[in-house]
Amino acid sequence: MISCFGQSVTQSNPLEYAAIGEGESRINEIIGKQNEILDTLSVLHGGMVVAETKMKKWEQKYNNYLKTTQGYADAIKAGCTLY
């Protein structure tokens, strides 16, 4: 025959509860600050994406301009050598 005995006495420790509450409060505060930082980073990242897109469009326009100008210059050069 096996007998089991368990301790069923519960103790209330107000200092422990206060420490747990303060710890949870600090954790929530840190998480809130981290969320604010992530929001700021998200806004900054969005701005960088917009700037990168604009620069890429300008670069494409400039490259097209160079190709057009080169073609125009080659046509003038070819026309000058015919006469």
PDB file of N, CA and C in Angstrom:
ATOM      1  N   MET A   1       0.837  -1.159   0.000  1.00  0.00           N
ATOM      2  CA  MET A   1       0.000   0.000   0.000  1.00  0.00           C
ATOM      3  C   MET A   1       0.890   1.233   0.000  1.00  0.00           C
ATOM      4  N   ILE A   2       0.584   2.154  -0.926  1.00  0.00           N
ATOM      5  CA  ILE A   2       1.370   3.378  -1.058  1.00  0.00           C
ATOM      6  C   ILE A   2       0.552   4.537  -0.531  1.00  0.00           C
ATOM      7  N   SER A   3       1.176   5.328   0.306  1.00  0.00           N
ATOM      8  CA  SER A   3       0.509   6.513   0.850  1.00  0.00           C
ATOM      9  C   SER A   3       1.203   7.763   0.325  1.00  0.00           C
ATOM     10  N   CYS A   4       0.423   8.750  -0.040  1.00  0.00           N
ATOM     11  CA  CYS A   4       0.964  10.025  -0.529  1.00  0.00           C
ATOM     12  C   CYS A   4       0.497  11.131   0.386  1.00  0.00           C
ATOM     13  N   PHE A   5       1.413  12.007   0.678  1.00  0.00           N
ATOM     14  CA  PHE A   5       1.067  13.165   1.492  1.00  0.00           C
ATOM     15  C   PHE A   5       1.490  14.417   0.713  1.00  0.00           C
ATOM     16  N   GLY A   6       0.611  15.354   0.612  1.00  0.00           N
ATOM     17  CA  GLY A   6       0.929  16.613  -0.078  1.00  0.00           C
ATOM     18  C   GLY A   6       0.737  17.776   0.861  1.00  0.00           C
ATOM     19  N   GLN A   7       1.443  18.794   0.596  1.00  0.00           N
ATOM     20  CA  GLN A   7       1.322  19.984   1.426  1.00  0.00           C
ATOM     21  C   GLN A   7       0.283  20.884   0.775  1.00  0.00           C
ATOM     22  N   SER A   8      -0.760  21.167   1.469  1.00  0.00           N
ATOM     23  CA  SER A   8      -1.842  21.960   0.900  1.00  0.00           C
ATOM     24  C   SER A   8      -1.966  23.322   1.562  1.00  0.00           C
ATOM     25  N   VAL A   9      -0.926  23.732   2.204  1.00  0.00           N
ATOM     26  CA  VAL A   9      -0.972  25.028   2.877  1.00  0.00           C
ATOM     27  C   VAL A   9      -0.524  26.088   1.874  1.00  0.00           C
ATOM     28  N   THR A  10      -1.360  27.073   1.652  1.00  0.00           N
ATOM     29  CA  THR A  10      -0.990  28.176   0.754  1.00  0.00           C
ATOM     30  C   THR A  10      -0.640  29.379   1.597  1.00  0.00           C
ATOM     31  N   GLN A  11       0.375  30.063   1.165  1.00  0.00           N
ATOM     32  CA  GLN A  11       0.799  31.248   1.907  1.00  0.00           C
ATOM     33  C   GLN A  11       0.617  32.473   1.029  1.00  0.00           C
ATOM     34  N   SER A  12       0.266  33.539   1.660  1.00  0.00           N
ATOM     35  CA  SER A  12       0.109  34.800   0.961  1.00  0.00           C
ATOM     36  C   SER A  12       1.285  35.686   1.329  1.00  0.00           C
ATOM     37  N   ASN A  13       2.061  36.076   0.337  1.00  0.00           N
ATOM     38  CA  ASN A  13       3.223  36.920   0.570  1.00  0.00           C
ATOM     39  C   ASN A  13       3.043  38.222  -0.211  1.00  0.00           C
ATOM     40  N   PRO A  14       2.622  39.273   0.471  1.00  0.00           N
ATOM     41  CA  PRO A  14       2.355  40.543  -0.226  1.00  0.00           C
ATOM     42  C   PRO A  14       3.597  41.131  -0.901  1.00  0.00           C
ATOM     43  N   LEU A  15       4.773  40.948  -0.312  1.00  0.00           N
ATOM     44  CA  LEU A  15       5.985  41.490  -0.931  1.00  0.00           C
ATOM     45  C   LEU A  15       6.286  40.781  -2.254  1.00  0.00           C
ATOM     46  N   GLU A  16       6.012  39.490  -2.276  1.00  0.00           N
ATOM     47  CA  GLU A  16       6.226  38.742  -3.520  1.00  0.00           C
ATOM     48  C   GLU A  16       5.284  39.243  -4.613  1.00  0.00           C
ATOM     49  N   TYR A  17       4.026  39.450  -4.252  1.00  0.00           N
ATOM     50  CA  TYR A  17       3.057  39.950  -5.227  1.00  0.00           C
ATOM     51  C   TYR A  17       3.427  41.352  -5.701  1.00  0.00           C
ATOM     52  N   ALA A  18       3.919  42.176  -4.798  1.00  0.00           N
ATOM     53  CA  ALA A  18       4.340  43.528  -5.179  1.00  0.00           C
ATOM     54  C   ALA A  18       5.529  43.468  -6.135  1.00  0.00           C
ATOM     55  N   ALA A  19       6.484  42.579  -5.851  1.00  0.00           N
ATOM     56  CA  ALA A  19       7.651  42.434  -6.719  1.00  0.00           C
ATOM     57  C   ALA A  19       7.240  41.925  -8.102  1.00  0.00           C
ATOM     58  N   ILE A  20       6.336  40.975  -8.134  1.00  0.00           N
ATOM     59  CA  ILE A  20       5.849  40.450  -9.414  1.00  0.00           C
ATOM     60  C   ILE A  20       5.126  41.547 -10.188  1.00  0.00           C
ATOM     61  N   GLY A  21       4.285  42.291  -9.505  1.00  0.00           N
ATOM     62  CA  GLY A  21       3.561  43.391 -10.152  1.00  0.00           C
ATOM     63  C   GLY A  21       4.500  44.446 -10.712  1.00  0.00           C
ATOM     64  N   GLU A  22       5.527  44.792  -9.944  1.00  0.00           N
ATOM     65  CA  GLU A  22       6.492  45.788 -10.410  1.00  0.00           C
ATOM     66  C   GLU A  22       7.284  45.258 -11.603  1.00  0.00           C
ATOM     67  N   GLY A  23       7.644  43.994 -11.549  1.00  0.00           N
ATOM     68  CA  GLY A  23       8.364  43.382 -12.674  1.00  0.00           C
ATOM     69  C   GLY A  23       7.527  43.379 -13.943  1.00  0.00           C
ATOM     70  N   GLU A  24       6.260  43.021 -13.814  1.00  0.00           N
ATOM     71  CA  GLU A  24       5.370  43.029 -14.977  1.00  0.00           C
ATOM     72  C   GLU A  24       5.199  44.439 -15.518  1.00  0.00           C
ATOM     73  N   SER A  25       5.115  45.408 -14.610  1.00  0.00           N
ATOM     74  CA  SER A  25       4.992  46.806 -15.027  1.00  0.00           C
ATOM     75  C   SER A  25       6.214  47.254 -15.822  1.00  0.00           C
ATOM     76  N   ARG A  26       7.400  46.884 -15.351  1.00  0.00           N
ATOM     77  CA  ARG A  26       8.634  47.244 -16.066  1.00  0.00           C
ATOM     78  C   ARG A  26       8.701  46.565 -17.434  1.00  0.00           C
ATOM     79  N   ILE A  27       8.304  45.313 -17.473  1.00  0.00           N
ATOM     80  CA  ILE A  27       8.305  44.591 -18.748  1.00  0.00           C
ATOM     81  C   ILE A  27       7.354  45.265 -19.736  1.00  0.00           C
ATOM     82  N   ASN A  28       6.158  45.619 -19.279  1.00  0.00           N
ATOM     83  CA  ASN A  28       5.195  46.292 -20.147  1.00  0.00           C
ATOM     84  C   ASN A  28       5.725  47.643 -20.622  1.00  0.00           C
ATOM     85  N   GLU A  29       6.420  48.356 -19.751  1.00  0.00           N
ATOM     86  CA  GLU A  29       7.001  49.650 -20.112  1.00  0.00           C
ATOM     87  C   GLU A  29       8.063  49.476 -21.202  1.00  0.00           C
ATOM     88  N   ILE A  30       8.913  48.474 -21.036  1.00  0.00           N
ATOM     89  CA  ILE A  30       9.970  48.208 -22.025  1.00  0.00           C
ATOM     90  C   ILE A  30       9.355  47.804 -23.362  1.00  0.00           C
ATOM     91  N   ILE A  31       8.341  46.970 -23.318  1.00  0.00           N
ATOM     92  CA  ILE A  31       7.679  46.541 -24.551  1.00  0.00           C
ATOM     93  C   ILE A  31       7.040  47.744 -25.245  1.00  0.00           C
ATOM     94  N   GLY A  32       6.438  48.640 -24.473  1.00  0.00           N
ATOM     95  CA  GLY A  32       5.855  49.854 -25.046  1.00  0.00           C
ATOM     96  C   GLY A  32       6.902  50.713 -25.737  1.00  0.00           C
ATOM     97  N   LYS A  33       8.064  50.885 -25.091  1.00  0.00           N
ATOM     98  CA  LYS A  33       9.148  51.666 -25.701  1.00  0.00           C
ATOM     99  C   LYS A  33       9.651  50.997 -26.974  1.00  0.00           C
ATOM    100  N   GLN A  34       9.775  49.678 -26.940  1.00  0.00           N
ATOM    101  CA  GLN A  34      10.224  48.957 -28.132  1.00  0.00           C
ATOM    102  C   GLN A  34       9.235  49.126 -29.281  1.00  0.00           C
ATOM    103  N   ASN A  35       7.943  49.110 -28.976  1.00  0.00           N
ATOM    104  CA  ASN A  35       6.932  49.312 -30.011  1.00  0.00           C
ATOM    105  C   ASN A  35       7.034  50.707 -30.612  1.00  0.00           C
ATOM    106  N   GLU A  36       7.275  51.719 -29.773  1.00  0.00           N
ATOM    107  CA  GLU A  36       7.442  53.087 -30.278  1.00  0.00           C
ATOM    108  C   GLU A  36       8.657  53.172 -31.199  1.00  0.00           C
ATOM    109  N   ILE A  37       9.746  52.529 -30.802  1.00  0.00           N
ATOM    110  CA  ILE A  37      10.962  52.541 -31.621  1.00  0.00           C
ATOM    111  C   ILE A  37      10.706  51.839 -32.954  1.00  0.00           C
ATOM    112  N   LEU A  38      10.005  50.712 -32.918  1.00  0.00           N
ATOM    113  CA  LEU A  38       9.696  49.998 -34.158  1.00  0.00           C
ATOM    114  C   LEU A  38       8.805  50.835 -35.072  1.00  0.00           C
ATOM    115  N   ASP A  39       7.857  51.575 -34.497  1.00  0.00           N
ATOM    116  CA  ASP A  39       7.016  52.459 -35.300  1.00  0.00           C
ATOM    117  C   ASP A  39       7.859  53.535 -35.977  1.00  0.00           C
ATOM    118  N   THR A  40       8.796  54.122 -35.224  1.00  0.00           N
ATOM    119  CA  THR A  40       9.678  55.146 -35.780  1.00  0.00           C
ATOM    120  C   THR A  40      10.530  54.566 -36.900  1.00  0.00           C
ATOM    121  N   LEU A  41      11.078  53.382 -36.676  1.00  0.00           N
ATOM    122  CA  LEU A  41      11.887  52.733 -37.710  1.00  0.00           C
ATOM    123  C   LEU A  41      11.061  52.436 -38.956  1.00  0.00           C
ATOM    124  N   SER A  42       9.827  52.046 -38.761  1.00  0.00           N
ATOM    125  CA  SER A  42       8.951  51.752 -39.890  1.00  0.00           C
ATOM    126  C   SER A  42       8.716  52.999 -40.736  1.00  0.00           C
ATOM    127  N   VAL A  43       8.483  54.129 -40.077  1.00  0.00           N
ATOM    128  CA  VAL A  43       8.283  55.393 -40.796  1.00  0.00           C
ATOM    129  C   VAL A  43       9.553  55.776 -41.550  1.00  0.00           C
ATOM    130  N   LEU A  44      10.708  55.670 -40.897  1.00  0.00           N
ATOM    131  CA  LEU A  44      11.975  56.003 -41.547  1.00  0.00           C
ATOM    132  C   LEU A  44      12.237  55.086 -42.739  1.00  0.00           C
ATOM    133  N   HIS A  45      11.958  53.811 -42.576  1.00  0.00           N
ATOM    134  CA  HIS A  45      12.162  52.859 -43.667  1.00  0.00           C
ATOM    135  C   HIS A  45      11.266  53.204 -44.852  1.00  0.00           C
ATOM    136  N   GLY A  46      10.024  53.572 -44.568  1.00  0.00           N
ATOM    137  CA  GLY A  46       9.110  53.976 -45.641  1.00  0.00           C
ATOM    138  C   GLY A  46       9.647  55.177 -46.405  1.00  0.00           C
ATOM    139  N   GLY A  47      10.205  56.142 -45.680  1.00  0.00           N
ATOM    140  CA  GLY A  47      10.799  57.313 -46.323  1.00  0.00           C
ATOM    141  C   GLY A  47      11.984  56.943 -47.195  1.00  0.00           C
ATOM    142  N   MET A  48      12.801  56.013 -46.722  1.00  0.00           N
ATOM    143  CA  MET A  48      13.961  55.587 -47.512  1.00  0.00           C
ATOM    144  C   MET A  48      13.520  54.863 -48.784  1.00  0.00           C
ATOM    145  N   VAL A  49      12.454  54.086 -48.696  1.00  0.00           N
ATOM    146  CA  VAL A  49      11.950  53.376 -49.873  1.00  0.00           C
ATOM    147  C   VAL A  49      11.451  54.375 -50.911  1.00  0.00           C
ATOM    148  N   VAL A  50      10.746  55.406 -50.459  1.00  0.00           N
ATOM    149  CA  VAL A  50      10.248  56.434 -51.381  1.00  0.00           C
ATOM    150  C   VAL A  50      11.418  57.141 -52.059  1.00  0.00           C
ATOM    151  N   ALA A  51      12.435  57.517 -51.283  1.00  0.00           N
ATOM    152  CA  ALA A  51      13.606  58.196 -51.843  1.00  0.00           C
ATOM    153  C   ALA A  51      14.334  57.290 -52.832  1.00  0.00           C
ATOM    154  N   GLU A  52      14.481  56.027 -52.502  1.00  0.00           N
ATOM    155  CA  GLU A  52      15.159  55.074 -53.393  1.00  0.00           C
ATOM    156  C   GLU A  52      14.396  54.927 -54.702  1.00  0.00           C
ATOM    157  N   THR A  53      13.073  54.886 -54.628  1.00  0.00           N
ATOM    158  CA  THR A  53      12.252  54.768 -55.831  1.00  0.00           C
ATOM    159  C   THR A  53      12.424  55.993 -56.721  1.00  0.00           C
ATOM    160  N   LYS A  54      12.430  57.188 -56.114  1.00  0.00           N
ATOM    161  CA  LYS A  54      12.634  58.420 -56.890  1.00  0.00           C
ATOM    162  C   LYS A  54      13.997  58.412 -57.568  1.00  0.00           C
ATOM    163  N   MET A  55      15.035  58.037 -56.823  1.00  0.00           N
ATOM    164  CA  MET A  55      16.382  58.020 -57.396  1.00  0.00           C
ATOM    165  C   MET A  55      16.475  57.021 -58.544  1.00  0.00           C
ATOM    166  N   LYS A  56      15.816  55.877 -58.389  1.00  0.00           N
ATOM    167  CA  LYS A  56      15.847  54.867 -59.447  1.00  0.00           C
ATOM    168  C   LYS A  56      15.174  55.395 -60.713  1.00  0.00           C
ATOM    169  N   LYS A  57      14.053  56.122 -60.562  1.00  0.00           N
ATOM    170  CA  LYS A  57      13.368  56.711 -61.719  1.00  0.00           C
ATOM    171  C   LYS A  57      14.254  57.763 -62.383  1.00  0.00           C
ATOM    172  N   TRP A  58      14.906  58.607 -61.573  1.00  0.00           N
ATOM    173  CA  TRP A  58      15.803  59.622 -62.129  1.00  0.00           C
ATOM    174  C   TRP A  58      16.950  58.966 -62.886  1.00  0.00           C
ATOM    175  N   GLU A  59      17.485  57.900 -62.317  1.00  0.00           N
ATOM    176  CA  GLU A  59      18.588  57.195 -62.957  1.00  0.00           C
ATOM    177  C   GLU A  59      18.153  56.619 -64.303  1.00  0.00           C
ATOM    178  N   GLN A  60      16.949  56.044 -64.358  1.00  0.00           N
ATOM    179  CA  GLN A  60      16.435  55.499 -65.611  1.00  0.00           C
ATOM    180  C   GLN A  60      16.249  56.604 -66.648  1.00  0.00           C
ATOM    181  N   LYS A  61      15.685  57.743 -66.210  1.00  0.00           N
ATOM    182  CA  LYS A  61      15.504  58.865 -67.136  1.00  0.00           C
ATOM    183  C   LYS A  61      16.848  59.365 -67.652  1.00  0.00           C
ATOM    184  N   TYR A  62      17.821  59.465 -66.768  1.00  0.00           N
ATOM    185  CA  TYR A  62      19.144  59.950 -67.164  1.00  0.00           C
ATOM    186  C   TYR A  62      19.805  58.977 -68.138  1.00  0.00           C
ATOM    187  N   ASN A  63      19.707  57.679 -67.861  1.00  0.00           N
ATOM    188  CA  ASN A  63      20.277  56.682 -68.772  1.00  0.00           C
ATOM    189  C   ASN A  63      19.597  56.723 -70.135  1.00  0.00           C
ATOM    190  N   ASN A  64      18.269  56.901 -70.147  1.00  0.00           N
ATOM    191  CA  ASN A  64      17.555  57.036 -71.419  1.00  0.00           C
ATOM    192  C   ASN A  64      18.016  58.287 -72.160  1.00  0.00           C
ATOM    193  N   TYR A  65      18.214  59.370 -71.431  1.00  0.00           N
ATOM    194  CA  TYR A  65      18.698  60.617 -72.029  1.00  0.00           C
ATOM    195  C   TYR A  65      20.072  60.400 -72.661  1.00  0.00           C
ATOM    196  N   LEU A  66      20.963  59.719 -71.926  1.00  0.00           N
ATOM    197  CA  LEU A  66      22.303  59.475 -72.466  1.00  0.00           C
ATOM    198  C   LEU A  66      22.242  58.623 -73.729  1.00  0.00           C
ATOM    199  N   LYS A  67      21.381  57.621 -73.733  1.00  0.00           N
ATOM    200  CA  LYS A  67      21.246  56.765 -74.917  1.00  0.00           C
ATOM    201  C   LYS A  67      20.714  57.570 -76.097  1.00  0.00           C
ATOM    202  N   THR A  68      19.714  58.414 -75.835  1.00  0.00           N
ATOM    203  CA  THR A  68      19.132  59.237 -76.893  1.00  0.00           C
ATOM    204  C   THR A  68      20.165  60.221 -77.427  1.00  0.00           C
ATOM    205  N   THR A  69      20.889  60.864 -76.538  1.00  0.00           N
ATOM    206  CA  THR A  69      21.889  61.844 -76.946  1.00  0.00           C
ATOM    207  C   THR A  69      23.005  61.171 -77.724  1.00  0.00           C
ATOM    208  N   GLN A  70      23.419  60.002 -77.284  1.00  0.00           N
ATOM    209  CA  GLN A  70      24.474  59.273 -77.987  1.00  0.00           C
ATOM    210  C   GLN A  70      24.003  58.910 -79.393  1.00  0.00           C
ATOM    211  N   GLY A  71      22.767  58.449 -79.498  1.00  0.00           N
ATOM    212  CA  GLY A  71      22.222  58.110 -80.818  1.00  0.00           C
ATOM    213  C   GLY A  71      22.142  59.336 -81.717  1.00  0.00           C
ATOM    214  N   TYR A  72      21.737  60.461 -81.162  1.00  0.00           N
ATOM    215  CA  TYR A  72      21.642  61.713 -81.921  1.00  0.00           C
ATOM    216  C   TYR A  72      23.026  62.155 -82.382  1.00  0.00           C
ATOM    217  N   ALA A  73      24.001  62.077 -81.491  1.00  0.00           N
ATOM    218  CA  ALA A  73      25.369  62.470 -81.833  1.00  0.00           C
ATOM    219  C   ALA A  73      25.938  61.541 -82.903  1.00  0.00           C
ATOM    220  N   ASP A  74      25.660  60.263 -82.817  1.00  0.00           N
ATOM    221  CA  ASP A  74      26.138  59.324 -83.837  1.00  0.00           C
ATOM    222  C   ASP A  74      25.503  59.625 -85.195  1.00  0.00           C
ATOM    223  N   ALA A  75      24.216  59.988 -85.192  1.00  0.00           N
ATOM    224  CA  ALA A  75      23.532  60.317 -86.445  1.00  0.00           C
ATOM    225  C   ALA A  75      24.139  61.565 -87.077  1.00  0.00           C
ATOM    226  N   ILE A  76      24.439  62.581 -86.268  1.00  0.00           N
ATOM    227  CA  ILE A  76      25.065  63.802 -86.787  1.00  0.00           C
ATOM    228  C   ILE A  76      26.451  63.475 -87.344  1.00  0.00           C
ATOM    229  N   LYS A  77      27.197  62.684 -86.615  1.00  0.00           N
ATOM    230  CA  LYS A  77      28.549  62.293 -87.032  1.00  0.00           C
ATOM    231  C   LYS A  77      28.496  61.533 -88.365  1.00  0.00           C
ATOM    232  N   ALA A  78      27.537  60.610 -88.474  1.00  0.00           N
ATOM    233  CA  ALA A  78      27.394  59.845 -89.713  1.00  0.00           C
ATOM    234  C   ALA A  78      26.972  60.754 -90.860  1.00  0.00           C
ATOM    235  N   GLY A  79      26.079  61.699 -90.574  1.00  0.00           N
ATOM    236  CA  GLY A  79      25.628  62.632 -91.607  1.00  0.00           C
ATOM    237  C   GLY A  79      26.749  63.537 -92.087  1.00  0.00           C
ATOM    238  N   CYS A  80      27.631  63.911 -91.210  1.00  0.00           N
ATOM    239  CA  CYS A  80      28.738  64.803 -91.569  1.00  0.00           C
ATOM    240  C   CYS A  80      29.758  64.093 -92.452  1.00  0.00           C
ATOM    241  N   THR A  81      29.919  62.810 -92.265  1.00  0.00           N
ATOM    242  CA  THR A  81      30.923  62.095 -93.057  1.00  0.00           C
ATOM    243  C   THR A  81      30.401  61.757 -94.447  1.00  0.00           C
ATOM    244  N   LEU A  82      29.087  61.794 -94.662  1.00  0.00           N
ATOM    245  CA  LEU A  82      28.536  61.495 -95.983  1.00  0.00           C
ATOM    246  C   LEU A  82      28.780  62.641 -96.963  1.00  0.00           C
ATOM    247  N   TYR A  83      28.826  63.861 -96.494  1.00  0.00           N
ATOM    248  CA  TYR A  83      28.936  65.014 -97.391  1.00  0.00           C
ATOM    249  C   TYR A  83      30.325  65.535 -97.442  1.00  0.00           C
TER     250      TYR A  83
END
